[in-house]
C-alpha cells in the first residue's frame, strides 16, 4: 500500500485523511486523485482532505465532492 497522511481507526472503522498546502487548482485536483487511490487501497467509499490555504483572499469552508462513486469531504482552512 502507499503511504497515507492520516488514517484514523475508531471503533472498527477506518477514516483516511489527506492533508495539502494550497498551491492552486491543478495541485488540489492531484490531491483529490491521490485520496481516491488511498480509498481504493483501503476499500473505502468516503475520505477527507484538509487544504491549508495561506492566500489573503482565500475562500474557506467545507464541501462534499462525488468522484468515481466515492465521497470526498474537503475542508479549506
C-alpha atoms as a PDB file:
ATOM      1  CA  UNK A   1       0.000   0.000   0.000  1.00  0.00           C
ATOM      2  CA  UNK A   2       1.000   3.574  -0.481  1.00  0.00           C
ATOM      3  CA  UNK A   3       1.855   5.965   2.311  1.00  0.00           C
ATOM      4  CA  UNK A   4      -1.123   7.993   3.513  1.00  0.00           C
ATOM      5  CA  UNK A   5      -1.079  11.154   5.634  1.00  0.00           C
ATOM      6  CA  UNK A   6      -3.578  10.185   8.350  1.00  0.00           C
ATOM      7  CA  UNK A   7      -5.535   7.000   8.992  1.00  0.00           C
ATOM      8  CA  UNK A   8      -7.848   7.039  11.980  1.00  0.00           C
ATOM      9  CA  UNK A   9      -9.064   3.714  13.354  1.00  0.00           C
ATOM     10  CA  UNK A  10     -12.106   4.320  15.534  1.00  0.00           C
ATOM     11  CA  UNK A  11     -14.465   1.620  16.776  1.00  0.00           C
ATOM     12  CA  UNK A  12     -13.643  -0.731  13.940  1.00  0.00           C
ATOM     13  CA  UNK A  13     -13.959   1.924  11.210  1.00  0.00           C
ATOM     14  CA  UNK A  14     -11.126   3.497   9.220  1.00  0.00           C
ATOM     15  CA  UNK A  15     -11.035   7.127   8.137  1.00  0.00           C
ATOM     16  CA  UNK A  16      -8.452   8.312   5.593  1.00  0.00           C
ATOM     17  CA  UNK A  17      -7.436  11.970   5.543  1.00  0.00           C
ATOM     18  CA  UNK A  18      -5.119  13.669   3.055  1.00  0.00           C
ATOM     19  CA  UNK A  19      -3.523  16.981   4.022  1.00  0.00           C
ATOM     20  CA  UNK A  20      -2.289  19.506   1.454  1.00  0.00           C
ATOM     21  CA  UNK A  21      -0.974  23.041   1.261  1.00  0.00           C
ATOM     22  CA  UNK A  22      -2.966  25.005  -1.339  1.00  0.00           C
ATOM     23  CA  UNK A  23      -0.845  25.524  -4.439  1.00  0.00           C
ATOM     24  CA  UNK A  24      -3.576  26.048  -7.000  1.00  0.00           C
ATOM     25  CA  UNK A  25      -6.424  24.145  -8.610  1.00  0.00           C
ATOM     26  CA  UNK A  26      -4.237  21.663 -10.513  1.00  0.00           C
ATOM     27  CA  UNK A  27      -2.307  20.673  -7.397  1.00  0.00           C
ATOM     28  CA  UNK A  28      -5.586  20.358  -5.481  1.00  0.00           C
ATOM     29  CA  UNK A  29      -7.045  18.091  -8.175  1.00  0.00           C
ATOM     30  CA  UNK A  30      -3.984  15.841  -7.954  1.00  0.00           C
ATOM     31  CA  UNK A  31      -4.536  15.636  -4.192  1.00  0.00           C
ATOM     32  CA  UNK A  32      -8.140  14.555  -4.729  1.00  0.00           C
ATOM     33  CA  UNK A  33      -6.988  11.849  -7.168  1.00  0.00           C
ATOM     34  CA  UNK A  34      -4.364  10.742  -4.660  1.00  0.00           C
ATOM     35  CA  UNK A  35      -7.063  10.401  -1.989  1.00  0.00           C
ATOM     36  CA  UNK A  36      -9.236   8.338  -4.364  1.00  0.00           C
ATOM     37  CA  UNK A  37      -6.260   5.979  -4.753  1.00  0.00           C
ATOM     38  CA  UNK A  38      -5.973   5.614  -0.981  1.00  0.00           C
ATOM     39  CA  UNK A  39      -9.695   4.918  -0.714  1.00  0.00           C
ATOM     40  CA  UNK A  40      -9.237   2.157  -3.282  1.00  0.00           C
ATOM     41  CA  UNK A  41      -6.349   0.714  -1.243  1.00  0.00           C
ATOM     42  CA  UNK A  42      -8.466   0.580   1.918  1.00  0.00           C
ATOM     43  CA  UNK A  43     -11.736  -0.374   0.186  1.00  0.00           C
ATOM     44  CA  UNK A  44     -13.490   2.765   1.465  1.00  0.00           C
ATOM     45  CA  UNK A  45     -16.072   4.992  -0.197  1.00  0.00           C
ATOM     46  CA  UNK A  46     -15.564   8.172   1.846  1.00  0.00           C
ATOM     47  CA  UNK A  47     -12.390  10.161   2.537  1.00  0.00           C
ATOM     48  CA  UNK A  48     -11.351  13.529   3.889  1.00  0.00           C
ATOM     49  CA  UNK A  49      -8.991  16.211   2.645  1.00  0.00           C
ATOM     50  CA  UNK A  50      -7.757  19.288   4.507  1.00  0.00           C
ATOM     51  CA  UNK A  51      -6.166  22.045   2.415  1.00  0.00           C
ATOM     52  CA  UNK A  52      -4.212  24.785   4.165  1.00  0.00           C
ATOM     53  CA  UNK A  53      -4.544  28.000   2.157  1.00  0.00           C
ATOM     54  CA  UNK A  54      -2.305  30.887   3.177  1.00  0.00           C
ATOM     55  CA  UNK A  55      -3.546  33.318   0.473  1.00  0.00           C
ATOM     56  CA  UNK A  56      -5.013  36.587   1.753  1.00  0.00           C
ATOM     57  CA  UNK A  57      -8.130  36.292  -0.417  1.00  0.00           C
ATOM     58  CA  UNK A  58      -8.762  32.618   0.247  1.00  0.00           C
ATOM     59  CA  UNK A  59     -12.168  31.005   0.164  1.00  0.00           C
ATOM     60  CA  UNK A  60     -12.531  28.796   3.222  1.00  0.00           C
ATOM     61  CA  UNK A  61     -15.175  26.236   4.026  1.00  0.00           C
ATOM     62  CA  UNK A  62     -16.184  22.613   3.717  1.00  0.00           C
ATOM     63  CA  UNK A  63     -17.577  20.986   0.598  1.00  0.00           C
ATOM     64  CA  UNK A  64     -18.601  17.481  -0.332  1.00  0.00           C
ATOM     65  CA  UNK A  65     -17.437  16.130  -3.701  1.00  0.00           C
ATOM     66  CA  UNK A  66     -18.525  12.986  -5.528  1.00  0.00           C
ATOM     67  CA  UNK A  67     -15.756  11.425  -7.605  1.00  0.00           C
ATOM     68  CA  UNK A  68     -15.839   7.976  -9.215  1.00  0.00           C
ATOM     69  CA  UNK A  69     -18.532   6.765  -6.856  1.00  0.00           C
ATOM     70  CA  UNK A  70     -16.701   7.993  -3.771  1.00  0.00           C
ATOM     71  CA  UNK A  71     -17.341  10.925  -1.450  1.00  0.00           C
ATOM     72  CA  UNK A  72     -14.599  13.392  -0.539  1.00  0.00           C
ATOM     73  CA  UNK A  73     -15.244  15.843   2.276  1.00  0.00           C
ATOM     74  CA  UNK A  74     -12.816  18.695   1.639  1.00  0.00           C
ATOM     75  CA  UNK A  75     -12.081  21.491   4.087  1.00  0.00           C
ATOM     76  CA  UNK A  76     -10.107  24.582   3.118  1.00  0.00           C
ATOM     77  CA  UNK A  77      -8.657  26.439   6.105  1.00  0.00           C
END
